[in-house]
Amino acid sequence: PRSYAMKVNKKIKKLAMVSALSDKVANEELIVLDALKLDAAKTKEMAKVLSNLKATGKALIVTAEKDEEVIRAARNIPGVKTAIVGGFGVYDLVNCNKLIVTEEAARKVEEVYA
């Protein structure tokens, strides 16, 4: 067996993440919410939220900390992924049509990549 893994430097990884985030902002694919609160952890509730935000297709929901209600409500919707601030990569950003971020998570992302 042969490994085709390549090592990428930390600076290059950070630059790629900044580039992907700035691309989302430039193409108006970034949605920042004050908070993401659901009445109940139901898929129907999350589908309503996504339709109100006009997030059709693939979406990535980023929260500051692990939120079980958001994860439970979004896991059955095709094309929707959830992540915490340190738990997503450049591929996740490039692969989604809309990036939905809470305000607290946006501040944490800004601290890390600014």
Protein backbone atom coordinates (compact mmCIF):
# COMPACT_ATOMS: atom_id res chain seq x y z
CA PRO A 1 0.00 0.00 0.00
CA ARG A 2 1.17 3.46 -0.88
CA SER A 3 0.21 6.63 0.93
CA TYR A 4 -0.51 9.69 -1.20
CA ALA A 5 -0.83 12.01 1.79
CA MET A 6 0.84 15.39 1.53
CA LYS A 7 1.93 17.61 4.37
CA VAL A 8 0.66 21.19 4.17
CA ASN A 9 2.19 23.93 6.27
CA LYS A 10 0.09 25.77 8.87
CA LYS A 11 0.54 29.11 7.11
CA ILE A 12 -0.75 27.68 3.84
CA LYS A 13 -3.77 26.10 5.58
CA LYS A 14 -4.58 29.43 7.25
CA LEU A 15 -4.21 31.31 3.96
CA ALA A 16 -6.54 28.84 2.21
CA MET A 17 -9.17 29.26 4.95
CA VAL A 18 -8.96 33.07 4.78
CA SER A 19 -9.26 32.92 1.01
CA ALA A 20 -12.33 30.66 1.16
CA LEU A 21 -14.00 32.86 3.80
CA SER A 22 -13.33 36.04 1.82
CA ASP A 23 -14.76 34.37 -1.28
CA LYS A 24 -17.99 33.59 0.62
CA VAL A 25 -18.23 37.22 1.73
CA ALA A 26 -17.52 38.55 -1.77
CA ASN A 27 -20.19 36.32 -3.34
CA GLU A 28 -22.73 37.18 -0.61
CA GLU A 29 -22.96 33.56 0.51
CA LEU A 30 -22.31 34.34 4.18
CA ILE A 31 -25.24 34.78 6.58
CA VAL A 32 -24.53 35.98 10.12
CA LEU A 33 -27.27 35.42 12.70
CA ASP A 34 -27.51 36.95 16.18
CA ALA A 35 -28.38 33.55 17.60
CA LEU A 36 -29.81 30.32 16.25
CA LYS A 37 -32.61 29.36 18.62
CA LEU A 38 -35.28 26.83 17.72
CA ASP A 39 -38.62 26.31 19.48
CA ALA A 40 -38.01 22.57 19.39
CA ALA A 41 -35.22 20.38 18.03
CA LYS A 42 -37.29 19.39 15.02
CA THR A 43 -36.24 19.07 11.40
CA LYS A 44 -39.37 20.97 10.35
CA GLU A 45 -38.28 24.00 12.42
CA MET A 46 -34.80 24.00 10.87
CA ALA A 47 -36.28 23.66 7.39
CA LYS A 48 -38.42 26.75 8.06
CA VAL A 49 -35.36 28.69 9.23
CA LEU A 50 -33.39 27.69 6.15
CA SER A 51 -36.23 28.58 3.79
CA ASN A 52 -36.60 32.00 5.46
CA LEU A 53 -32.88 32.57 4.96
CA LYS A 54 -33.18 31.41 1.32
CA ALA A 55 -30.49 28.79 1.93
CA THR A 56 -31.37 26.27 -0.74
CA GLY A 57 -29.06 23.45 -1.66
CA LYS A 58 -25.97 22.80 0.42
CA ALA A 59 -25.51 24.81 3.61
CA LEU A 60 -22.98 24.80 6.43
CA ILE A 61 -24.18 25.93 9.86
CA VAL A 62 -21.36 27.02 12.18
CA THR A 63 -21.92 27.59 15.89
CA ALA A 64 -19.49 28.70 18.59
CA GLU A 65 -20.07 25.65 20.77
CA LYS A 66 -21.69 22.28 20.24
CA ASP A 67 -25.44 22.82 20.13
CA GLU A 68 -27.33 19.52 20.31
CA GLU A 69 -30.66 21.07 19.25
CA VAL A 70 -29.23 22.52 16.05
CA ILE A 71 -27.38 19.28 15.25
CA ARG A 72 -30.47 17.16 15.86
CA ALA A 73 -32.71 19.46 13.81
CA ALA A 74 -30.34 19.69 10.83
CA ARG A 75 -28.98 16.18 10.50
CA ASN A 76 -31.89 14.81 8.43
CA ILE A 77 -31.91 17.63 5.90
CA PRO A 78 -29.96 16.61 2.79
CA GLY A 79 -27.04 18.91 2.01
CA VAL A 80 -27.00 20.63 5.42
CA LYS A 81 -24.02 20.15 7.71
CA THR A 82 -23.30 21.54 11.16
CA ALA A 83 -19.93 22.33 12.67
CA ILE A 84 -18.30 24.18 15.51
CA VAL A 85 -15.71 26.90 14.94
CA GLY A 86 -12.65 24.64 14.87
CA GLY A 87 -14.38 21.68 13.26
CA PHE A 88 -14.64 22.60 9.60
CA GLY A 89 -12.12 22.89 6.83
CA VAL A 90 -11.61 24.58 3.51
CA TYR A 91 -13.36 21.78 1.62
CA ASP A 92 -16.49 22.25 3.75
CA LEU A 93 -16.52 25.97 2.91
CA VAL A 94 -15.98 25.47 -0.79
CA ASN A 95 -18.55 22.67 -0.97
CA CYS A 96 -21.47 24.65 0.49
CA ASN A 97 -23.69 27.23 -1.22
CA LYS A 98 -24.52 29.18 1.97
CA LEU A 99 -22.46 29.61 5.11
CA ILE A 100 -24.66 30.33 8.13
CA VAL A 101 -22.72 31.55 11.16
CA THR A 102 -23.84 32.77 14.57
CA GLU A 103 -22.46 36.10 15.74
CA GLU A 104 -20.40 34.53 18.52
CA ALA A 105 -18.91 32.01 16.10
CA ALA A 106 -18.08 34.81 13.65
CA ARG A 107 -16.11 36.58 16.38
CA LYS A 108 -14.18 33.40 17.15
CA VAL A 109 -13.43 32.80 13.47
CA GLU A 110 -12.26 36.40 13.16
CA GLU A 111 -9.92 35.97 16.14
CA VAL A 112 -8.37 32.85 14.67
CA TYR A 113 -8.01 33.92 11.04
CA ALA A 114 -7.62 37.72 11.26
